């Protein structure tokens, strides 16, 4: 549910690495696209074996050119954005979630 809190568990990352996790509408996008909710980011640091646990409040990921109607359900992804190539961004370790609202 939108504005609800959830717990994210991650593994397989570099040990003692700082990650910035965003909520986005796609896993890969071209730089000018506004695919992520930048207001909804959380920074975590992995432990000695590359794992983390963090509380995350789910908002609604952007959907270009459309309003969010009442009583909605949308697929979003949470992960660490990394530039791939010249102008593409990919969410590393992306987890798929479904966000619903009244």
Protein backbone atom coordinates (compact mmCIF):
# COMPACT_ATOMS: atom_id res chain seq x y z
CA UNK A 1 0.00 0.00 0.00
CA UNK A 2 1.27 3.46 -0.86
CA UNK A 3 2.87 5.29 2.11
CA UNK A 4 3.31 1.99 3.96
CA UNK A 5 6.62 0.94 5.43
CA UNK A 6 8.37 -2.27 4.39
CA UNK A 7 11.68 -3.94 5.22
CA UNK A 8 14.19 -4.46 2.41
CA UNK A 9 16.81 -7.21 2.72
CA UNK A 10 19.69 -7.26 0.25
CA UNK A 11 22.62 -9.61 -0.35
CA UNK A 12 25.31 -10.24 -2.93
CA UNK A 13 26.74 -6.71 -2.81
CA UNK A 14 30.32 -5.68 -2.06
CA UNK A 15 31.19 -5.76 1.67
CA UNK A 16 31.10 -2.41 3.50
CA UNK A 17 29.70 -0.68 0.40
CA UNK A 18 27.39 2.36 0.52
CA UNK A 19 24.27 1.99 -1.67
CA UNK A 20 21.63 4.54 -2.65
CA UNK A 21 18.33 2.75 -3.29
CA UNK A 22 15.57 4.37 -5.36
CA UNK A 23 12.00 3.42 -6.22
CA UNK A 24 11.62 3.44 -10.04
CA UNK A 25 9.00 2.50 -12.64
CA UNK A 26 11.43 0.50 -14.85
CA UNK A 27 14.72 -1.39 -14.39
CA UNK A 28 16.57 0.32 -17.26
CA UNK A 29 16.04 3.75 -18.84
CA UNK A 30 17.66 6.46 -20.95
CA UNK A 31 19.01 9.39 -18.90
CA UNK A 32 16.42 12.11 -19.73
CA UNK A 33 13.55 9.83 -18.67
CA UNK A 34 12.17 10.54 -15.20
CA UNK A 35 11.80 6.90 -14.11
CA UNK A 36 12.46 7.25 -10.36
CA UNK A 37 10.87 8.92 -7.39
CA UNK A 38 13.91 10.90 -6.19
CA UNK A 39 12.05 11.98 -3.04
CA UNK A 40 11.99 8.34 -2.02
CA UNK A 41 15.60 7.23 -1.72
CA UNK A 42 17.39 5.53 1.14
CA UNK A 43 21.11 5.11 1.74
CA UNK A 44 22.39 1.86 3.25
CA UNK A 45 25.81 0.38 4.00
CA UNK A 46 26.36 -3.32 3.49
CA UNK A 47 27.90 -5.42 6.25
CA UNK A 48 31.08 -7.53 6.12
CA UNK A 49 29.44 -10.14 3.86
CA UNK A 50 27.63 -7.69 1.50
CA UNK A 51 24.16 -7.80 3.09
CA UNK A 52 21.83 -5.10 4.41
CA UNK A 53 18.43 -4.60 6.01
CA UNK A 54 16.62 -1.25 5.90
CA UNK A 55 13.12 0.15 6.49
CA UNK A 56 11.65 1.73 3.34
CA UNK A 57 8.44 3.76 2.93
CA UNK A 58 6.84 2.90 -0.40
CA UNK A 59 5.58 5.81 -2.50
CA UNK A 60 4.33 5.68 -6.08
CA UNK A 61 6.98 5.38 -8.80
CA UNK A 62 6.53 7.85 -11.65
CA UNK A 63 4.56 6.92 -14.72
CA UNK A 64 5.36 9.45 -17.45
CA UNK A 65 2.46 11.44 -18.89
CA UNK A 66 -0.25 9.82 -16.72
CA UNK A 67 -2.03 10.70 -13.52
CA UNK A 68 -2.43 8.07 -10.83
CA UNK A 69 -6.15 7.28 -10.55
CA UNK A 70 -7.92 6.42 -7.33
CA UNK A 71 -7.81 2.70 -6.60
CA UNK A 72 -4.58 1.97 -8.45
CA UNK A 73 -2.02 -0.83 -8.65
CA UNK A 74 1.43 -0.23 -10.17
CA UNK A 75 4.58 -2.31 -10.58
CA UNK A 76 7.70 -0.53 -9.28
CA UNK A 77 11.33 -1.55 -8.71
CA UNK A 78 13.72 -0.73 -5.87
CA UNK A 79 17.45 -0.88 -6.55
CA UNK A 80 20.73 0.98 -6.90
CA UNK A 81 20.92 3.10 -10.08
CA UNK A 82 24.17 2.80 -12.04
CA UNK A 83 25.11 4.37 -15.36
CA UNK A 84 25.66 1.77 -18.08
CA UNK A 85 27.31 3.03 -21.26
CA UNK A 86 26.83 6.64 -22.38
CA UNK A 87 23.23 7.50 -21.47
CA UNK A 88 21.54 4.46 -19.92
CA UNK A 89 20.83 3.82 -16.24
CA UNK A 90 20.17 0.35 -14.80
CA UNK A 91 18.87 -0.55 -11.34
CA UNK A 92 21.33 -3.02 -9.86
CA UNK A 93 19.79 -5.64 -7.58
CA UNK A 94 16.29 -4.43 -8.42
CA UNK A 95 13.44 -5.90 -6.40
CA UNK A 96 9.99 -5.88 -7.99
CA UNK A 97 7.12 -4.58 -5.85
CA UNK A 98 3.45 -3.83 -6.45
CA UNK A 99 2.24 -0.53 -5.02
CA UNK A 100 -1.49 -0.12 -4.44
CA UNK A 101 -3.52 2.86 -3.31
CA UNK A 102 -6.99 3.83 -2.32
